[in-house]
């Protein structure tokens, strides 16, 4: 009788250990998904920064052209 209960408890322990391993695998998968989401967020922010750099570079070129035109028109 006690030997049967011992076997049942060992079986439950193995099942619990299996569930623990699955939980760790799911945690690892969730961490990978979080890392991918962070990479996508960083790429989106870099895309936004690149857009603003392009916008300001375009404005700087426009101002430089206007200054160049004014200098050579009156000089």
PDB file of N, CA and C in Angstrom:
ATOM      1  N   UNK A   1       0.829  -1.189   0.000  1.00  0.00           N
ATOM      2  CA  UNK A   1       0.000   0.000   0.000  1.00  0.00           C
ATOM      3  C   UNK A   1       0.873   1.252   0.000  1.00  0.00           C
ATOM      4  N   UNK A   2       1.814   1.329   0.907  1.00  0.00           N
ATOM      5  CA  UNK A   2       2.673   2.488   0.948  1.00  0.00           C
ATOM      6  C   UNK A   2       3.537   2.587  -0.309  1.00  0.00           C
ATOM      7  N   UNK A   3       3.924   1.445  -0.860  1.00  0.00           N
ATOM      8  CA  UNK A   3       4.729   1.436  -2.079  1.00  0.00           C
ATOM      9  C   UNK A   3       3.924   1.992  -3.257  1.00  0.00           C
ATOM     10  N   UNK A   4       2.635   1.681  -3.298  1.00  0.00           N
ATOM     11  CA  UNK A   4       1.771   2.220  -4.353  1.00  0.00           C
ATOM     12  C   UNK A   4       1.644   3.726  -4.247  1.00  0.00           C
ATOM     13  N   UNK A   5       1.482   4.228  -3.028  1.00  0.00           N
ATOM     14  CA  UNK A   5       1.396   5.672  -2.825  1.00  0.00           C
ATOM     15  C   UNK A   5       2.715   6.354  -3.187  1.00  0.00           C
ATOM     16  N   UNK A   6       3.823   5.685  -2.887  1.00  0.00           N
ATOM     17  CA  UNK A   6       5.124   6.226  -3.250  1.00  0.00           C
ATOM     18  C   UNK A   6       5.248   6.337  -4.761  1.00  0.00           C
ATOM     19  N   UNK A   7       4.803   5.333  -5.482  1.00  0.00           N
ATOM     20  CA  UNK A   7       4.852   5.370  -6.949  1.00  0.00           C
ATOM     21  C   UNK A   7       3.945   6.480  -7.500  1.00  0.00           C
ATOM     22  N   UNK A   8       2.773   6.633  -6.905  1.00  0.00           N
ATOM     23  CA  UNK A   8       1.859   7.695  -7.348  1.00  0.00           C
ATOM     24  C   UNK A   8       2.493   9.059  -7.101  1.00  0.00           C
ATOM     25  N   UNK A   9       3.102   9.241  -5.926  1.00  0.00           N
ATOM     26  CA  UNK A   9       3.748  10.512  -5.614  1.00  0.00           C
ATOM     27  C   UNK A   9       4.921  10.776  -6.551  1.00  0.00           C
ATOM     28  N   UNK A  10       5.693   9.750  -6.874  1.00  0.00           N
ATOM     29  CA  UNK A  10       6.792   9.925  -7.826  1.00  0.00           C
ATOM     30  C   UNK A  10       6.257  10.299  -9.207  1.00  0.00           C
ATOM     31  N   UNK A  11       5.161   9.674  -9.593  1.00  0.00           N
ATOM     32  CA  UNK A  11       4.544  10.024 -10.877  1.00  0.00           C
ATOM     33  C   UNK A  11       4.078  11.463 -10.901  1.00  0.00           C
ATOM     34  N   UNK A  12       3.437  11.884  -9.815  1.00  0.00           N
ATOM     35  CA  UNK A  12       2.985  13.282  -9.730  1.00  0.00           C
ATOM     36  C   UNK A  12       4.166  14.242  -9.721  1.00  0.00           C
ATOM     37  N   UNK A  13       5.253  13.839  -9.073  1.00  0.00           N
ATOM     38  CA  UNK A  13       6.455  14.665  -9.064  1.00  0.00           C
ATOM     39  C   UNK A  13       7.019  14.811 -10.470  1.00  0.00           C
ATOM     40  N   UNK A  14       7.031  13.718 -11.226  1.00  0.00           N
ATOM     41  CA  UNK A  14       7.518  13.782 -12.612  1.00  0.00           C
ATOM     42  C   UNK A  14       6.617  14.653 -13.479  1.00  0.00           C
ATOM     43  N   UNK A  15       5.303  14.545 -13.269  1.00  0.00           N
ATOM     44  CA  UNK A  15       4.368  15.387 -14.028  1.00  0.00           C
ATOM     45  C   UNK A  15       4.577  16.855 -13.675  1.00  0.00           C
ATOM     46  N   UNK A  16       4.772  17.141 -12.393  1.00  0.00           N
ATOM     47  CA  UNK A  16       5.012  18.523 -11.969  1.00  0.00           C
ATOM     48  C   UNK A  16       6.315  19.054 -12.560  1.00  0.00           C
ATOM     49  N   UNK A  17       7.338  18.193 -12.587  1.00  0.00           N
ATOM     50  CA  UNK A  17       8.607  18.597 -13.178  1.00  0.00           C
ATOM     51  C   UNK A  17       8.434  18.870 -14.675  1.00  0.00           C
ATOM     52  N   UNK A  18       7.637  18.040 -15.355  1.00  0.00           N
ATOM     53  CA  UNK A  18       7.344  18.275 -16.773  1.00  0.00           C
ATOM     54  C   UNK A  18       6.633  19.600 -16.985  1.00  0.00           C
ATOM     55  N   UNK A  19       5.679  19.904 -16.106  1.00  0.00           N
ATOM     56  CA  UNK A  19       4.975  21.187 -16.204  1.00  0.00           C
ATOM     57  C   UNK A  19       5.933  22.350 -15.955  1.00  0.00           C
ATOM     58  N   UNK A  20       6.861  22.157 -15.025  1.00  0.00           N
ATOM     59  CA  UNK A  20       7.855  23.191 -14.753  1.00  0.00           C
ATOM     60  C   UNK A  20       8.725  23.444 -15.979  1.00  0.00           C
ATOM     61  N   UNK A  21       9.133  22.356 -16.654  1.00  0.00           N
ATOM     62  CA  UNK A  21       9.931  22.518 -17.871  1.00  0.00           C
ATOM     63  C   UNK A  21       9.151  23.237 -18.960  1.00  0.00           C
ATOM     64  N   UNK A  22       7.877  22.898 -19.113  1.00  0.00           N
ATOM     65  CA  UNK A  22       7.045  23.575 -20.110  1.00  0.00           C
ATOM     66  C   UNK A  22       6.895  25.052 -19.753  1.00  0.00           C
ATOM     67  N   UNK A  23       6.753  25.345 -18.462  1.00  0.00           N
ATOM     68  CA  UNK A  23       6.634  26.746 -18.039  1.00  0.00           C
ATOM     69  C   UNK A  23       7.907  27.523 -18.367  1.00  0.00           C
ATOM     70  N   UNK A  24       9.076  26.892 -18.139  1.00  0.00           N
ATOM     71  CA  UNK A  24      10.320  27.565 -18.481  1.00  0.00           C
ATOM     72  C   UNK A  24      10.445  27.777 -19.989  1.00  0.00           C
ATOM     73  N   UNK A  25       9.994  26.794 -20.771  1.00  0.00           N
ATOM     74  CA  UNK A  25      10.036  26.961 -22.229  1.00  0.00           C
ATOM     75  C   UNK A  25       9.122  28.096 -22.666  1.00  0.00           C
ATOM     76  N   UNK A  26       7.937  28.180 -22.065  1.00  0.00           N
ATOM     77  CA  UNK A  26       7.021  29.271 -22.403  1.00  0.00           C
ATOM     78  C   UNK A  26       7.592  30.617 -21.977  1.00  0.00           C
ATOM     79  N   UNK A  27       8.264  30.643 -20.826  1.00  0.00           N
ATOM     80  CA  UNK A  27       8.907  31.872 -20.383  1.00  0.00           C
ATOM     81  C   UNK A  27       9.985  32.290 -21.374  1.00  0.00           C
ATOM     82  N   UNK A  28      10.765  31.333 -21.844  1.00  0.00           N
ATOM     83  CA  UNK A  28      11.812  31.623 -22.823  1.00  0.00           C
ATOM     84  C   UNK A  28      11.210  32.140 -24.129  1.00  0.00           C
ATOM     85  N   UNK A  29      10.109  31.523 -24.569  1.00  0.00           N
ATOM     86  CA  UNK A  29       9.432  31.984 -25.793  1.00  0.00           C
ATOM     87  C   UNK A  29       8.909  33.406 -25.598  1.00  0.00           C
ATOM     88  N   UNK A  30       8.329  33.673 -24.440  1.00  0.00           N
ATOM     89  CA  UNK A  30       7.827  35.029 -24.174  1.00  0.00           C
ATOM     90  C   UNK A  30       8.954  36.048 -24.134  1.00  0.00           C
ATOM     91  N   UNK A  31      10.110  35.667 -23.580  1.00  0.00           N
ATOM     92  CA  UNK A  31      11.250  36.580 -23.575  1.00  0.00           C
ATOM     93  C   UNK A  31      11.743  36.848 -24.991  1.00  0.00           C
ATOM     94  N   UNK A  32      11.737  35.820 -25.846  1.00  0.00           N
ATOM     95  CA  UNK A  32      12.143  36.034 -27.241  1.00  0.00           C
ATOM     96  C   UNK A  32      11.158  36.954 -27.947  1.00  0.00           C
ATOM     97  N   UNK A  33       9.872  36.773 -27.693  1.00  0.00           N
ATOM     98  CA  UNK A  33       8.856  37.641 -28.304  1.00  0.00           C
ATOM     99  C   UNK A  33       9.022  39.076 -27.808  1.00  0.00           C
ATOM    100  N   UNK A  34       9.307  39.249 -26.514  1.00  0.00           N
ATOM    101  CA  UNK A  34       9.544  40.581 -25.960  1.00  0.00           C
ATOM    102  C   UNK A  34      10.762  41.224 -26.621  1.00  0.00           C
ATOM    103  N   UNK A  35      11.824  40.461 -26.814  1.00  0.00           N
ATOM    104  CA  UNK A  35      13.021  40.982 -27.462  1.00  0.00           C
ATOM    105  C   UNK A  35      12.721  41.410 -28.893  1.00  0.00           C
ATOM    106  N   UNK A  36      11.949  40.592 -29.625  1.00  0.00           N
ATOM    107  CA  UNK A  36      11.586  40.945 -31.005  1.00  0.00           C
ATOM    108  C   UNK A  36      10.744  42.210 -31.014  1.00  0.00           C
ATOM    109  N   UNK A  37       9.808  42.326 -30.076  1.00  0.00           N
ATOM    110  CA  UNK A  37       8.975  43.533 -30.004  1.00  0.00           C
ATOM    111  C   UNK A  37       9.811  44.763 -29.692  1.00  0.00           C
ATOM    112  N   UNK A  38      10.795  44.627 -28.814  1.00  0.00           N
ATOM    113  CA  UNK A  38      11.676  45.760 -28.513  1.00  0.00           C
ATOM    114  C   UNK A  38      12.495  46.156 -29.735  1.00  0.00           C
ATOM    115  N   UNK A  39      12.960  45.152 -30.494  1.00  0.00           N
ATOM    116  CA  UNK A  39      13.714  45.454 -31.723  1.00  0.00           C
ATOM    117  C   UNK A  39      12.835  46.194 -32.721  1.00  0.00           C
ATOM    118  N   UNK A  40      11.582  45.759 -32.855  1.00  0.00           N
ATOM    119  CA  UNK A  40      10.661  46.432 -33.777  1.00  0.00           C
ATOM    120  C   UNK A  40      10.396  47.856 -33.317  1.00  0.00           C
ATOM    121  N   UNK A  41      10.241  48.045 -32.001  1.00  0.00           N
ATOM    122  CA  UNK A  41      10.013  49.388 -31.467  1.00  0.00           C
ATOM    123  C   UNK A  41      11.216  50.286 -31.722  1.00  0.00           C
ATOM    124  N   UNK A  42      12.424  49.769 -31.497  1.00  0.00           N
ATOM    125  CA  UNK A  42      13.632  50.555 -31.749  1.00  0.00           C
ATOM    126  C   UNK A  42      13.738  50.893 -33.226  1.00  0.00           C
ATOM    127  N   UNK A  43      13.435  49.931 -34.105  1.00  0.00           N
ATOM    128  CA  UNK A  43      13.490  50.201 -35.542  1.00  0.00           C
ATOM    129  C   UNK A  43      12.468  51.255 -35.943  1.00  0.00           C
ATOM    130  N   UNK A  44      11.290  51.224 -35.331  1.00  0.00           N
ATOM    131  CA  UNK A  44      10.275  52.237 -35.635  1.00  0.00           C
ATOM    132  C   UNK A  44      10.741  53.617 -35.193  1.00  0.00           C
ATOM    133  N   UNK A  45      11.352  53.674 -34.002  1.00  0.00           N
ATOM    134  CA  UNK A  45      11.842  54.970 -33.531  1.00  0.00           C
ATOM    135  C   UNK A  45      12.989  55.463 -34.407  1.00  0.00           C
ATOM    136  N   UNK A  46      13.862  54.558 -34.851  1.00  0.00           N
ATOM    137  CA  UNK A  46      14.945  54.965 -35.740  1.00  0.00           C
ATOM    138  C   UNK A  46      14.402  55.448 -37.078  1.00  0.00           C
ATOM    139  N   UNK A  47      13.340  54.825 -37.554  1.00  0.00           N
ATOM    140  CA  UNK A  47      12.714  55.273 -38.796  1.00  0.00           C
ATOM    141  C   UNK A  47      12.161  56.681 -38.635  1.00  0.00           C
ATOM    142  N   UNK A  48      11.550  56.950 -37.482  1.00  0.00           N
ATOM    143  CA  UNK A  48      11.023  58.285 -37.209  1.00  0.00           C
ATOM    144  C   UNK A  48      12.156  59.308 -37.118  1.00  0.00           C
ATOM    145  N   UNK A  49      13.252  58.929 -36.447  1.00  0.00           N
ATOM    146  CA  UNK A  49      14.408  59.825 -36.344  1.00  0.00           C
ATOM    147  C   UNK A  49      14.985  60.099 -37.728  1.00  0.00           C
ATOM    148  N   UNK A  50      15.089  59.070 -38.566  1.00  0.00           N
ATOM    149  CA  UNK A  50      15.606  59.265 -39.918  1.00  0.00           C
ATOM    150  C   UNK A  50      14.705  60.189 -40.725  1.00  0.00           C
ATOM    151  N   UNK A  51      13.391  60.085 -40.536  1.00  0.00           N
ATOM    152  CA  UNK A  51      12.468  60.972 -41.241  1.00  0.00           C
ATOM    153  C   UNK A  51      12.698  62.421 -40.833  1.00  0.00           C
ATOM    154  N   UNK A  52      12.849  62.657 -39.505  1.00  0.00           N
ATOM    155  CA  UNK A  52      13.069  64.026 -39.054  1.00  0.00           C
ATOM    156  C   UNK A  52      14.432  64.549 -39.505  1.00  0.00           C
ATOM    157  N   UNK A  53      15.444  63.665 -39.527  1.00  0.00           N
ATOM    158  CA  UNK A  53      16.744  64.106 -40.040  1.00  0.00           C
ATOM    159  C   UNK A  53      16.634  64.499 -41.509  1.00  0.00           C
ATOM    160  N   UNK A  54      15.886  63.716 -42.282  1.00  0.00           N
ATOM    161  CA  UNK A  54      15.674  64.052 -43.691  1.00  0.00           C
ATOM    162  C   UNK A  54      14.948  65.390 -43.813  1.00  0.00           C
ATOM    163  N   UNK A  55      13.926  65.598 -42.971  1.00  0.00           N
ATOM    164  CA  UNK A  55      13.157  66.842 -43.011  1.00  0.00           C
ATOM    165  C   UNK A  55      14.045  68.037 -42.695  1.00  0.00           C
ATOM    166  N   UNK A  56      14.865  67.919 -41.617  1.00  0.00           N
ATOM    167  CA  UNK A  56      15.719  69.041 -41.247  1.00  0.00           C
ATOM    168  C   UNK A  56      16.831  69.260 -42.266  1.00  0.00           C
ATOM    169  N   UNK A  57      17.341  68.181 -42.857  1.00  0.00           N
ATOM    170  CA  UNK A  57      18.369  68.334 -43.900  1.00  0.00           C
ATOM    171  C   UNK A  57      17.774  69.040 -45.113  1.00  0.00           C
ATOM    172  N   UNK A  58      16.546  68.702 -45.450  1.00  0.00           N
ATOM    173  CA  UNK A  58      15.879  69.362 -46.570  1.00  0.00           C
ATOM    174  C   UNK A  58      15.691  70.853 -46.280  1.00  0.00           C
ATOM    175  N   UNK A  59      15.296  71.171 -45.053  1.00  0.00           N
ATOM    176  CA  UNK A  59      15.131  72.571 -44.674  1.00  0.00           C
ATOM    177  C   UNK A  59      16.478  73.301 -44.700  1.00  0.00           C
ATOM    178  N   UNK A  60      17.537  72.657 -44.225  1.00  0.00           N
ATOM    179  CA  UNK A  60      18.860  73.283 -44.218  1.00  0.00           C
ATOM    180  C   UNK A  60      19.344  73.547 -45.636  1.00  0.00           C
ATOM    181  N   UNK A  61      19.091  72.617 -46.540  1.00  0.00           N
ATOM    182  CA  UNK A  61      19.485  72.811 -47.947  1.00  0.00           C
ATOM    183  C   UNK A  61      18.695  73.978 -48.543  1.00  0.00           C
ATOM    184  N   UNK A  62      17.432  74.072 -48.201  1.00  0.00           N
ATOM    185  CA  UNK A  62      16.591  75.156 -48.713  1.00  0.00           C
ATOM    186  C   UNK A  62      17.106  76.509 -48.210  1.00  0.00           C
ATOM    187  N   UNK A  63      17.432  76.590 -46.904  1.00  0.00           N
ATOM    188  CA  UNK A  63      17.954  77.842 -46.334  1.00  0.00           C
ATOM    189  C   UNK A  63      19.304  78.181 -46.955  1.00  0.00           C
ATOM    190  N   UNK A  64      20.163  77.183 -47.132  1.00  0.00           N
ATOM    191  CA  UNK A  64      21.473  77.432 -47.741  1.00  0.00           C
ATOM    192  C   UNK A  64      21.319  77.930 -49.171  1.00  0.00           C
ATOM    193  N   UNK A  65      20.375  77.380 -49.919  1.00  0.00           N
ATOM    194  CA  UNK A  65      20.145  77.832 -51.295  1.00  0.00           C
ATOM    195  C   UNK A  65      19.653  79.278 -51.316  1.00  0.00           C
ATOM    196  N   UNK A  66      18.759  79.609 -50.381  1.00  0.00           N
ATOM    197  CA  UNK A  66      18.260  80.985 -50.316  1.00  0.00           C
ATOM    198  C   UNK A  66      19.400  81.942 -49.966  1.00  0.00           C
ATOM    199  N   UNK A  67      20.223  81.590 -48.990  1.00  0.00           N
ATOM    200  CA  UNK A  67      21.360  82.437 -48.624  1.00  0.00           C
ATOM    201  C   UNK A  67      22.342  82.569 -49.788  1.00  0.00           C
ATOM    202  N   UNK A  68      22.601  81.468 -50.477  1.00  0.00           N
ATOM    203  CA  UNK A  68      23.498  81.490 -51.623  1.00  0.00           C
ATOM    204  C   UNK A  68      22.944  82.403 -52.708  1.00  0.00           C
ATOM    205  N   UNK A  69      21.635  82.319 -52.939  1.00  0.00           N
ATOM    206  CA  UNK A  69      21.013  83.171 -53.968  1.00  0.00           C
ATOM    207  C   UNK A  69      21.086  84.633 -53.567  1.00  0.00           C
ATOM    208  N   UNK A  70      20.859  84.940 -52.290  1.00  0.00           N
ATOM    209  CA  UNK A  70      20.925  86.334 -51.853  1.00  0.00           C
ATOM    210  C   UNK A  70      22.338  86.895 -51.940  1.00  0.00           C
ATOM    211  N   UNK A  71      23.318  86.101 -51.581  1.00  0.00           N
ATOM    212  CA  UNK A  71      24.725  86.567 -51.614  1.00  0.00           C
ATOM    213  C   UNK A  71      25.144  86.887 -53.030  1.00  0.00           C
ATOM    214  N   UNK A  72      24.841  86.003 -53.947  1.00  0.00           N
ATOM    215  CA  UNK A  72      25.301  86.215 -55.327  1.00  0.00           C
ATOM    216  C   UNK A  72      24.400  87.135 -56.136  1.00  0.00           C
ATOM    217  N   UNK A  73      23.196  87.397 -55.636  1.00  0.00           N
ATOM    218  CA  UNK A  73      22.336  88.344 -56.333  1.00  0.00           C
ATOM    219  C   UNK A  73      22.787  89.772 -56.064  1.00  0.00           C
ATOM    220  N   UNK A  74      23.162  90.057 -54.802  1.00  0.00           N
ATOM    221  CA  UNK A  74      23.554  91.420 -54.467  1.00  0.00           C
ATOM    222  C   UNK A  74      25.071  91.612 -54.481  1.00  0.00           C
ATOM    223  N   UNK A  75      25.833  90.552 -54.602  1.00  0.00           N
ATOM    224  CA  UNK A  75      27.273  90.697 -54.533  1.00  0.00           C
ATOM    225  C   UNK A  75      27.858  90.746 -55.878  1.00  0.00           C
TER     226      UNK A  75
END
